[in-house]
Each structure stands twice: as structure tokens, then as C-alpha cells.
């Protein structure tokens, strides 16, 4: 399997690329995969002037929940890119369902290549920082390429609490990285703990149900699906106890 697939698997809390073909089935009951459209919409409305000419790039867009909601609520153009064809098919159907198919374009592609080709956006969105595009510093550098001078970056990630590893930077470390990369933090939306716990419980239940179905259908792969359930739970425990979920709105400096 390619490095791209390895990064994809990690970004979706899969311990092995062998699980990738089964991810559309495991995640079929979820539309929002990571980023909260509501939190992103709130930050945009408070801090960015948006018009029909505004162009947004949604990298690792998943099933298009963020793209479709932003297009619907803001009336702007959104291009979503994701590596999983089934997710892109789902996103296109949702765009039609919400009446924004003329505003949304969904493409199957590797976002590592997209950041080298996509240019002149007013805003770029990413919900998989530190995984798919590299370290936080590498990620910011690559995202900056896609936006106009004084354009914006929306990142859905987490602040590590003191002494926590797992690749999560503390807020102080993030601020140092942003300063080094010549961007500035405009605003941040911290995930409420109770909201996070409720969401994790709901999603874990849906994923566990689908994993159990796959175990019955493919008993020889029961360990594969069992490991995925355990890795998902470990990620939930980390998010609930050791890190602080946050959506950051960052602006590129001249």
C-alpha cells in the first residue's frame, strides 16, 4: 500500500490499510466525519466577509458535510477533495439533496497533490491536520499555498494537555508554529466536553454495529474489525481525557 493510503488509514483511526475497503461500510451511518459544520460556520460568519464570489477549498472533505453546509448557508462556491470514491459519491448526492449541486464540486483525489495544484482560494478547510499533510508546520506551509494573500485557514484539531504526546501540540506550541509560518490565530472554538462525550458515544455505537455485521460476514477478518473498534475507543478516550478539541481560524499575513 502507498504512503497516501497509510496516512488515510491513520487519519480515520485505522491501524492498517487493509481496513480501507471496509471504511465506507463501517462509516455509512455517519455524515460528519470529524469537523463540525456548525462550529466552522460560526467562525466564518463572525470573522470573514463572504459573498457569492467567495471560493472555499475543503481538503479531506469526507462525505461533504462541511462543504454542503457552507454552500447552503453562505451561498458560496466550495470544492471538496477526498481519496475515497464512495465518500465523494455520497457528498454529491447530499449536495443534490440540499439543492447546492451548482455550488459544490466534489473530486476524488490525493490532497497531498491538491495542495500543489489548487490556488487562489479565500478559505481552505482541513479536518485532518498533522496526519495527511505531515506535521502541523508542514501542514500550514502547504495550506498557505492554496489561499490568497490574507486568506484564511480553518483547521479542526486538538490542543494537547501538558505532558500528553500522541503528536498533539499544546496551544502554546501551536502559537509558536503559527508565528513561525507567518500566519495568525484569529479565533478558536473549543469543543464542549459534554457535547464531545455524547457525540463519541453515539458514533461509537453506530460504528460498533457495522463492525459486528462485518465480523459475521467475514469471520476470518474478525480481528481486523475488532481492532478498529478498539482503536476508535482509544481515540475517543484520548479526546475526552487528554486533549482539548478545537477548531482554529487562521489568517495568512501579507
C-alpha atoms as a PDB file:
ATOM      1  CA  UNK A   1       0.000   0.000   0.000  1.00  0.00           C
ATOM      2  CA  UNK A   2       1.126   3.564  -0.716  1.00  0.00           C
ATOM      3  CA  UNK A   3       2.154   6.193   1.833  1.00  0.00           C
ATOM      4  CA  UNK A   4      -1.022   8.069   0.908  1.00  0.00           C
ATOM      5  CA  UNK A   5      -3.176   5.104   1.924  1.00  0.00           C
ATOM      6  CA  UNK A   6      -1.214   4.725   5.151  1.00  0.00           C
ATOM      7  CA  UNK A   7      -1.889   8.375   6.019  1.00  0.00           C
ATOM      8  CA  UNK A   8      -5.552   7.953   5.063  1.00  0.00           C
ATOM      9  CA  UNK A   9      -5.908   4.935   7.335  1.00  0.00           C
ATOM     10  CA  UNK A  10      -4.277   6.793  10.227  1.00  0.00           C
ATOM     11  CA  UNK A  11      -6.477   9.850   9.738  1.00  0.00           C
ATOM     12  CA  UNK A  12      -9.570   7.637  10.114  1.00  0.00           C
ATOM     13  CA  UNK A  13      -8.130   5.779  13.116  1.00  0.00           C
ATOM     14  CA  UNK A  14      -7.486   2.604  11.156  1.00  0.00           C
ATOM     15  CA  UNK A  15      -4.386   0.734  12.273  1.00  0.00           C
ATOM     16  CA  UNK A  16      -3.841  -0.918   8.891  1.00  0.00           C
ATOM     17  CA  UNK A  17      -4.520  -0.103   5.244  1.00  0.00           C
ATOM     18  CA  UNK A  18      -6.263  -3.486   4.978  1.00  0.00           C
ATOM     19  CA  UNK A  19      -9.274  -1.795   6.526  1.00  0.00           C
ATOM     20  CA  UNK A  20      -9.627   0.913   3.852  1.00  0.00           C
ATOM     21  CA  UNK A  21     -12.040  -1.020   1.554  1.00  0.00           C
ATOM     22  CA  UNK A  22     -14.367  -1.525   4.523  1.00  0.00           C
ATOM     23  CA  UNK A  23     -14.391   2.089   5.766  1.00  0.00           C
ATOM     24  CA  UNK A  24     -17.382   3.158   3.630  1.00  0.00           C
ATOM     25  CA  UNK A  25     -19.416   0.342   5.204  1.00  0.00           C
ATOM     26  CA  UNK A  26     -18.174   0.992   8.743  1.00  0.00           C
ATOM     27  CA  UNK A  27     -18.882   4.731   8.468  1.00  0.00           C
ATOM     28  CA  UNK A  28     -22.082   4.543   6.404  1.00  0.00           C
ATOM     29  CA  UNK A  29     -24.287   5.890   9.218  1.00  0.00           C
ATOM     30  CA  UNK A  30     -22.146   8.993   9.759  1.00  0.00           C
ATOM     31  CA  UNK A  31     -22.236  12.089   7.574  1.00  0.00           C
ATOM     32  CA  UNK A  32     -19.988  14.316   9.680  1.00  0.00           C
ATOM     33  CA  UNK A  33     -16.550  12.706   9.816  1.00  0.00           C
ATOM     34  CA  UNK A  34     -14.533  14.841  12.197  1.00  0.00           C
ATOM     35  CA  UNK A  35     -15.085  18.533  11.546  1.00  0.00           C
ATOM     36  CA  UNK A  36     -18.223  20.221  12.852  1.00  0.00           C
ATOM     37  CA  UNK A  37     -20.005  22.232  10.134  1.00  0.00           C
ATOM     38  CA  UNK A  38     -21.734  24.266  12.849  1.00  0.00           C
ATOM     39  CA  UNK A  39     -18.501  25.335  14.523  1.00  0.00           C
ATOM     40  CA  UNK A  40     -16.902  26.233  11.207  1.00  0.00           C
ATOM     41  CA  UNK A  41     -19.950  28.154  10.075  1.00  0.00           C
ATOM     42  CA  UNK A  42     -19.988  30.102  13.349  1.00  0.00           C
ATOM     43  CA  UNK A  43     -16.340  31.130  12.982  1.00  0.00           C
ATOM     44  CA  UNK A  44     -16.775  32.126   9.346  1.00  0.00           C
ATOM     45  CA  UNK A  45     -19.852  34.240   9.998  1.00  0.00           C
ATOM     46  CA  UNK A  46     -18.192  36.081  12.865  1.00  0.00           C
ATOM     47  CA  UNK A  47     -14.864  36.838  11.212  1.00  0.00           C
ATOM     48  CA  UNK A  48     -14.976  36.559   7.401  1.00  0.00           C
ATOM     49  CA  UNK A  49     -16.901  38.576   4.826  1.00  0.00           C
ATOM     50  CA  UNK A  50     -18.472  36.021   2.482  1.00  0.00           C
ATOM     51  CA  UNK A  51     -20.150  36.678  -0.861  1.00  0.00           C
ATOM     52  CA  UNK A  52     -21.236  34.637  -3.857  1.00  0.00           C
ATOM     53  CA  UNK A  53     -17.695  35.102  -5.212  1.00  0.00           C
ATOM     54  CA  UNK A  54     -16.039  33.550  -2.166  1.00  0.00           C
ATOM     55  CA  UNK A  55     -14.188  30.327  -3.012  1.00  0.00           C
ATOM     56  CA  UNK A  56     -13.633  27.619  -0.394  1.00  0.00           C
ATOM     57  CA  UNK A  57     -11.434  24.529  -0.670  1.00  0.00           C
ATOM     58  CA  UNK A  58     -12.371  21.599   1.598  1.00  0.00           C
ATOM     59  CA  UNK A  59      -9.471  19.139   1.811  1.00  0.00           C
ATOM     60  CA  UNK A  60     -10.106  15.586   3.059  1.00  0.00           C
ATOM     61  CA  UNK A  61     -13.767  16.547   2.786  1.00  0.00           C
ATOM     62  CA  UNK A  62     -15.057  13.081   3.653  1.00  0.00           C
ATOM     63  CA  UNK A  63     -18.749  12.825   2.818  1.00  0.00           C
ATOM     64  CA  UNK A  64     -19.073  16.560   2.244  1.00  0.00           C
ATOM     65  CA  UNK A  65     -20.862  17.607   5.424  1.00  0.00           C
ATOM     66  CA  UNK A  66     -18.819  20.782   5.802  1.00  0.00           C
ATOM     67  CA  UNK A  67     -18.844  21.646   2.083  1.00  0.00           C
ATOM     68  CA  UNK A  68     -22.580  21.182   1.650  1.00  0.00           C
ATOM     69  CA  UNK A  69     -23.491  23.094   4.800  1.00  0.00           C
ATOM     70  CA  UNK A  70     -21.211  26.018   3.970  1.00  0.00           C
ATOM     71  CA  UNK A  71     -22.571  26.230   0.422  1.00  0.00           C
ATOM     72  CA  UNK A  72     -26.149  26.038   1.706  1.00  0.00           C
ATOM     73  CA  UNK A  73     -25.777  28.626   4.454  1.00  0.00           C
ATOM     74  CA  UNK A  74     -23.332  31.037   2.803  1.00  0.00           C
ATOM     75  CA  UNK A  75     -24.199  30.705  -0.894  1.00  0.00           C
ATOM     76  CA  UNK A  76     -20.544  30.428  -1.910  1.00  0.00           C
ATOM     77  CA  UNK A  77     -18.559  28.073  -4.122  1.00  0.00           C
ATOM     78  CA  UNK A  78     -16.954  25.044  -2.471  1.00  0.00           C
ATOM     79  CA  UNK A  79     -14.630  22.398  -3.901  1.00  0.00           C
ATOM     80  CA  UNK A  80     -14.222  19.224  -1.836  1.00  0.00           C
ATOM     81  CA  UNK A  81     -11.458  16.671  -2.366  1.00  0.00           C
ATOM     82  CA  UNK A  82     -11.182  13.214  -0.788  1.00  0.00           C
ATOM     83  CA  UNK A  83      -9.399   9.967  -1.618  1.00  0.00           C
ATOM     84  CA  UNK A  84     -12.357   7.607  -1.057  1.00  0.00           C
ATOM     85  CA  UNK A  85     -14.682   7.431  -4.109  1.00  0.00           C
ATOM     86  CA  UNK A  86     -17.652   6.237  -2.051  1.00  0.00           C
ATOM     87  CA  UNK A  87     -17.382   9.309   0.170  1.00  0.00           C
ATOM     88  CA  UNK A  88     -17.323  11.601  -2.866  1.00  0.00           C
ATOM     89  CA  UNK A  89     -20.381   9.856  -4.344  1.00  0.00           C
ATOM     90  CA  UNK A  90     -22.207  10.380  -1.065  1.00  0.00           C
ATOM     91  CA  UNK A  91     -21.187  14.061  -0.962  1.00  0.00           C
ATOM     92  CA  UNK A  92     -22.529  14.634  -4.475  1.00  0.00           C
ATOM     93  CA  UNK A  93     -25.867  13.085  -3.504  1.00  0.00           C
ATOM     94  CA  UNK A  94     -26.044  15.286  -0.404  1.00  0.00           C
ATOM     95  CA  UNK A  95     -25.346  18.383  -2.496  1.00  0.00           C
ATOM     96  CA  UNK A  96     -28.310  17.491  -4.694  1.00  0.00           C
ATOM     97  CA  UNK A  97     -30.472  16.766  -1.643  1.00  0.00           C
ATOM     98  CA  UNK A  98     -29.637  20.199  -0.180  1.00  0.00           C
ATOM     99  CA  UNK A  99     -30.070  21.982  -3.505  1.00  0.00           C
ATOM    100  CA  UNK A 100     -26.463  23.177  -3.753  1.00  0.00           C
ATOM    101  CA  UNK A 101     -25.136  20.973  -6.549  1.00  0.00           C
ATOM    102  CA  UNK A 102     -24.407  24.104  -8.613  1.00  0.00           C
ATOM    103  CA  UNK A 103     -22.234  25.478  -5.792  1.00  0.00           C
ATOM    104  CA  UNK A 104     -20.379  22.283  -4.831  1.00  0.00           C
ATOM    105  CA  UNK A 105     -17.780  20.375  -6.796  1.00  0.00           C
ATOM    106  CA  UNK A 106     -16.528  17.096  -5.357  1.00  0.00           C
ATOM    107  CA  UNK A 107     -13.404  15.403  -6.671  1.00  0.00           C
ATOM    108  CA  UNK A 108     -11.678  12.106  -5.894  1.00  0.00           C
ATOM    109  CA  UNK A 109      -8.036  12.922  -5.271  1.00  0.00           C
ATOM    110  CA  UNK A 110      -4.997  12.949  -3.008  1.00  0.00           C
ATOM    111  CA  UNK A 111      -4.874  16.185  -1.042  1.00  0.00           C
ATOM    112  CA  UNK A 112      -1.067  15.940  -0.943  1.00  0.00           C
ATOM    113  CA  UNK A 113      -1.177  16.560  -4.683  1.00  0.00           C
ATOM    114  CA  UNK A 114      -4.060  19.039  -4.440  1.00  0.00           C
ATOM    115  CA  UNK A 115      -2.107  21.467  -2.250  1.00  0.00           C
ATOM    116  CA  UNK A 116       0.463  21.754  -5.042  1.00  0.00           C
ATOM    117  CA  UNK A 117      -2.147  22.488  -7.706  1.00  0.00           C
ATOM    118  CA  UNK A 118      -5.057  24.353  -6.082  1.00  0.00           C
ATOM    119  CA  UNK A 119      -4.618  28.125  -5.823  1.00  0.00           C
ATOM    120  CA  UNK A 120      -6.358  31.461  -5.091  1.00  0.00           C
ATOM    121  CA  UNK A 121      -8.980  30.335  -2.586  1.00  0.00           C
ATOM    122  CA  UNK A 122     -10.368  32.708   0.016  1.00  0.00           C
ATOM    123  CA  UNK A 123     -10.554  29.920   2.588  1.00  0.00           C
ATOM    124  CA  UNK A 124      -9.165  26.407   2.907  1.00  0.00           C
ATOM    125  CA  UNK A 125     -10.627  23.861   5.336  1.00  0.00           C
ATOM    126  CA  UNK A 126      -8.830  20.824   6.756  1.00  0.00           C
ATOM    127  CA  UNK A 127     -10.053  18.390   9.398  1.00  0.00           C
ATOM    128  CA  UNK A 128      -7.014  16.076   9.451  1.00  0.00           C
ATOM    129  CA  UNK A 129      -4.078  18.249  10.474  1.00  0.00           C
ATOM    130  CA  UNK A 130      -0.817  16.585  11.469  1.00  0.00           C
ATOM    131  CA  UNK A 131      -1.679  13.360   9.678  1.00  0.00           C
ATOM    132  CA  UNK A 132      -2.400  13.575   5.986  1.00  0.00           C
ATOM    133  CA  UNK A 133      -0.216  16.571   5.129  1.00  0.00           C
ATOM    134  CA  UNK A 134       2.518  15.982   7.673  1.00  0.00           C
ATOM    135  CA  UNK A 135       3.460  17.849  10.834  1.00  0.00           C
ATOM    136  CA  UNK A 136       1.499  20.946  11.896  1.00  0.00           C
ATOM    137  CA  UNK A 137       4.284  23.133  10.478  1.00  0.00           C
ATOM    138  CA  UNK A 138       4.313  21.279   7.154  1.00  0.00           C
ATOM    139  CA  UNK A 139       0.538  21.390   7.040  1.00  0.00           C
ATOM    140  CA  UNK A 140       0.350  25.164   7.499  1.00  0.00           C
ATOM    141  CA  UNK A 141       3.028  25.695   4.856  1.00  0.00           C
ATOM    142  CA  UNK A 142       1.137  23.563   2.333  1.00  0.00           C
ATOM    143  CA  UNK A 143      -2.246  25.111   3.104  1.00  0.00           C
ATOM    144  CA  UNK A 144      -0.842  28.637   2.703  1.00  0.00           C
ATOM    145  CA  UNK A 145      -0.075  27.814  -0.928  1.00  0.00           C
ATOM    146  CA  UNK A 146      -3.760  27.344  -1.727  1.00  0.00           C
ATOM    147  CA  UNK A 147      -5.092  30.691  -0.475  1.00  0.00           C
ATOM    148  CA  UNK A 148      -4.887  34.330  -1.500  1.00  0.00           C
ATOM    149  CA  UNK A 149      -2.844  36.912   0.427  1.00  0.00           C
ATOM    150  CA  UNK A 150      -4.683  37.491   3.721  1.00  0.00           C
ATOM    151  CA  UNK A 151      -6.790  34.396   3.008  1.00  0.00           C
ATOM    152  CA  UNK A 152      -7.985  32.085   5.768  1.00  0.00           C
ATOM    153  CA  UNK A 153      -7.331  28.554   7.015  1.00  0.00           C
ATOM    154  CA  UNK A 154      -9.818  26.568   9.126  1.00  0.00           C
ATOM    155  CA  UNK A 155      -8.283  23.631  10.986  1.00  0.00           C
ATOM    156  CA  UNK A 156     -10.136  21.105  13.120  1.00  0.00           C
ATOM    157  CA  UNK A 157      -7.680  19.556  15.568  1.00  0.00           C
ATOM    158  CA  UNK A 158      -6.860  19.462  19.275  1.00  0.00           C
ATOM    159  CA  UNK A 159      -4.556  21.036  21.822  1.00  0.00           C
ATOM    160  CA  UNK A 160      -2.509  18.577  23.833  1.00  0.00           C
ATOM    161  CA  UNK A 161      -2.668  18.987  27.583  1.00  0.00           C
ATOM    162  CA  UNK A 162       0.613  19.269  29.468  1.00  0.00           C
ATOM    163  CA  UNK A 163       2.611  16.051  29.263  1.00  0.00           C
ATOM    164  CA  UNK A 164       0.444  14.464  26.555  1.00  0.00           C
ATOM    165  CA  UNK A 165       2.158  13.103  23.463  1.00  0.00           C
ATOM    166  CA  UNK A 166       0.428  11.378  20.543  1.00  0.00           C
ATOM    167  CA  UNK A 167       1.521  14.154  18.207  1.00  0.00           C
ATOM    168  CA  UNK A 168      -0.798  16.819  19.665  1.00  0.00           C
ATOM    169  CA  UNK A 169       0.796  20.230  20.161  1.00  0.00           C
ATOM    170  CA  UNK A 170      -0.131  22.368  23.133  1.00  0.00           C
ATOM    171  CA  UNK A 171      -1.805  25.714  22.481  1.00  0.00           C
ATOM    172  CA  UNK A 172       1.486  27.458  23.238  1.00  0.00           C
ATOM    173  CA  UNK A 173       3.321  25.241  20.745  1.00  0.00           C
ATOM    174  CA  UNK A 174       0.662  25.945  18.121  1.00  0.00           C
ATOM    175  CA  UNK A 175       1.058  29.695  18.590  1.00  0.00           C
ATOM    176  CA  UNK A 176       4.813  29.414  18.086  1.00  0.00           C
ATOM    177  CA  UNK A 177       4.288  27.377  14.912  1.00  0.00           C
ATOM    178  CA  UNK A 178       1.782  29.896  13.547  1.00  0.00           C
ATOM    179  CA  UNK A 179       4.137  32.791  14.249  1.00  0.00           C
ATOM    180  CA  UNK A 180       6.990  30.985  12.507  1.00  0.00           C
ATOM    181  CA  UNK A 181       4.791  30.267   9.474  1.00  0.00           C
ATOM    182  CA  UNK A 182       3.680  33.929   9.270  1.00  0.00           C
ATOM    183  CA  UNK A 183       0.023  33.302   9.954  1.00  0.00           C
ATOM    184  CA  UNK A 184      -2.045  34.437  12.923  1.00  0.00           C
ATOM    185  CA  UNK A 185      -4.773  32.892  15.028  1.00  0.00           C
ATOM    186  CA  UNK A 186      -7.956  34.924  14.508  1.00  0.00           C
ATOM    187  CA  UNK A 187     -10.345  32.854  16.608  1.00  0.00           C
ATOM    188  CA  UNK A 188     -10.805  29.409  18.122  1.00  0.00           C
ATOM    189  CA  UNK A 189     -13.801  27.294  19.030  1.00  0.00           C
ATOM    190  CA  UNK A 190     -13.233  24.851  21.882  1.00  0.00           C
ATOM    191  CA  UNK A 191     -15.373  21.704  21.851  1.00  0.00           C
ATOM    192  CA  UNK A 192     -17.595  21.428  24.923  1.00  0.00           C
ATOM    193  CA  UNK A 193     -16.731  18.305  26.936  1.00  0.00           C
ATOM    194  CA  UNK A 194     -20.337  17.124  27.376  1.00  0.00           C
ATOM    195  CA  UNK A 195     -21.045  17.622  23.670  1.00  0.00           C
ATOM    196  CA  UNK A 196     -17.920  15.657  22.752  1.00  0.00           C
ATOM    197  CA  UNK A 197     -18.762  12.753  25.043  1.00  0.00           C
ATOM    198  CA  UNK A 198     -22.325  12.497  23.714  1.00  0.00           C
ATOM    199  CA  UNK A 199     -21.114  12.588  20.111  1.00  0.00           C
ATOM    200  CA  UNK A 200     -18.444   9.965  20.747  1.00  0.00           C
ATOM    201  CA  UNK A 201     -20.926   7.623  22.389  1.00  0.00           C
ATOM    202  CA  UNK A 202     -23.395   7.977  19.528  1.00  0.00           C
ATOM    203  CA  UNK A 203     -20.818   7.457  16.797  1.00  0.00           C
ATOM    204  CA  UNK A 204     -19.120   4.569  18.563  1.00  0.00           C
ATOM    205  CA  UNK A 205     -22.444   2.763  18.824  1.00  0.00           C
ATOM    206  CA  UNK A 206     -23.100   3.130  15.099  1.00  0.00           C
ATOM    207  CA  UNK A 207     -19.583   2.021  14.132  1.00  0.00           C
ATOM    208  CA  UNK A 208     -19.685  -0.936  16.514  1.00  0.00           C
ATOM    209  CA  UNK A 209     -22.960  -2.095  14.964  1.00  0.00           C
ATOM    210  CA  UNK A 210     -21.480  -2.079  11.449  1.00  0.00           C
ATOM    211  CA  UNK A 211     -18.251  -3.724  12.619  1.00  0.00           C
ATOM    212  CA  UNK A 212     -20.238  -6.556  14.194  1.00  0.00           C
ATOM    213  CA  UNK A 213     -22.094  -7.034  10.917  1.00  0.00           C
ATOM    214  CA  UNK A 214     -18.798  -7.318   9.068  1.00  0.00           C
ATOM    215  CA  UNK A 215     -17.480  -9.800  11.627  1.00  0.00           C
ATOM    216  CA  UNK A 216     -20.428 -12.080  10.877  1.00  0.00           C
ATOM    217  CA  UNK A 217     -19.975 -11.704   7.133  1.00  0.00           C
ATOM    218  CA  UNK A 218     -16.182 -12.089   7.197  1.00  0.00           C
ATOM    219  CA  UNK A 219     -15.362 -14.160  10.319  1.00  0.00           C
ATOM    220  CA  UNK A 220     -11.793 -14.651   9.098  1.00  0.00           C
ATOM    221  CA  UNK A 221     -11.324 -10.856   9.440  1.00  0.00           C
ATOM    222  CA  UNK A 222     -12.944 -10.534  12.864  1.00  0.00           C
ATOM    223  CA  UNK A 223      -9.686  -9.350  14.433  1.00  0.00           C
ATOM    224  CA  UNK A 224      -9.387  -6.591  11.825  1.00  0.00           C
ATOM    225  CA  UNK A 225     -12.787  -5.134  12.696  1.00  0.00           C
ATOM    226  CA  UNK A 226     -12.325  -5.735  16.420  1.00  0.00           C
ATOM    227  CA  UNK A 227      -9.050  -3.817  16.320  1.00  0.00           C
ATOM    228  CA  UNK A 228     -10.819  -0.931  14.592  1.00  0.00           C
ATOM    229  CA  UNK A 229     -13.430  -0.730  17.335  1.00  0.00           C
ATOM    230  CA  UNK A 230     -10.663  -0.688  19.942  1.00  0.00           C
ATOM    231  CA  UNK A 231      -8.657   1.979  18.110  1.00  0.00           C
ATOM    232  CA  UNK A 232     -11.777   4.125  17.788  1.00  0.00           C
ATOM    233  CA  UNK A 233     -12.452   3.798  21.510  1.00  0.00           C
ATOM    234  CA  UNK A 234      -8.848   4.667  22.334  1.00  0.00           C
ATOM    235  CA  UNK A 235      -9.142   7.808  20.195  1.00  0.00           C
ATOM    236  CA  UNK A 236     -12.369   8.754  21.979  1.00  0.00           C
ATOM    237  CA  UNK A 237     -10.719   8.249  25.372  1.00  0.00           C
ATOM    238  CA  UNK A 238      -7.813  10.451  24.281  1.00  0.00           C
ATOM    239  CA  UNK A 239     -10.111  13.215  23.063  1.00  0.00           C
ATOM    240  CA  UNK A 240     -12.213  13.091  26.222  1.00  0.00           C
ATOM    241  CA  UNK A 241      -9.399  12.979  28.750  1.00  0.00           C
ATOM    242  CA  UNK A 242      -6.036  14.081  27.408  1.00  0.00           C
ATOM    243  CA  UNK A 243      -6.570  16.728  24.713  1.00  0.00           C
ATOM    244  CA  UNK A 244      -8.823  19.714  24.072  1.00  0.00           C
ATOM    245  CA  UNK A 245     -10.773  19.639  20.810  1.00  0.00           C
ATOM    246  CA  UNK A 246     -10.554  22.915  18.916  1.00  0.00           C
ATOM    247  CA  UNK A 247     -11.360  24.489  15.575  1.00  0.00           C
ATOM    248  CA  UNK A 248      -8.867  27.228  14.698  1.00  0.00           C
ATOM    249  CA  UNK A 249      -9.421  30.082  12.273  1.00  0.00           C
ATOM    250  CA  UNK A 250      -6.049  31.305  10.974  1.00  0.00           C
ATOM    251  CA  UNK A 251      -5.240  34.177   8.609  1.00  0.00           C
ATOM    252  CA  UNK A 252      -2.348  34.374   6.205  1.00  0.00           C
ATOM    253  CA  UNK A 253      -0.264  37.517   6.590  1.00  0.00           C
ATOM    254  CA  UNK A 254       0.909  39.628   3.662  1.00  0.00           C
END
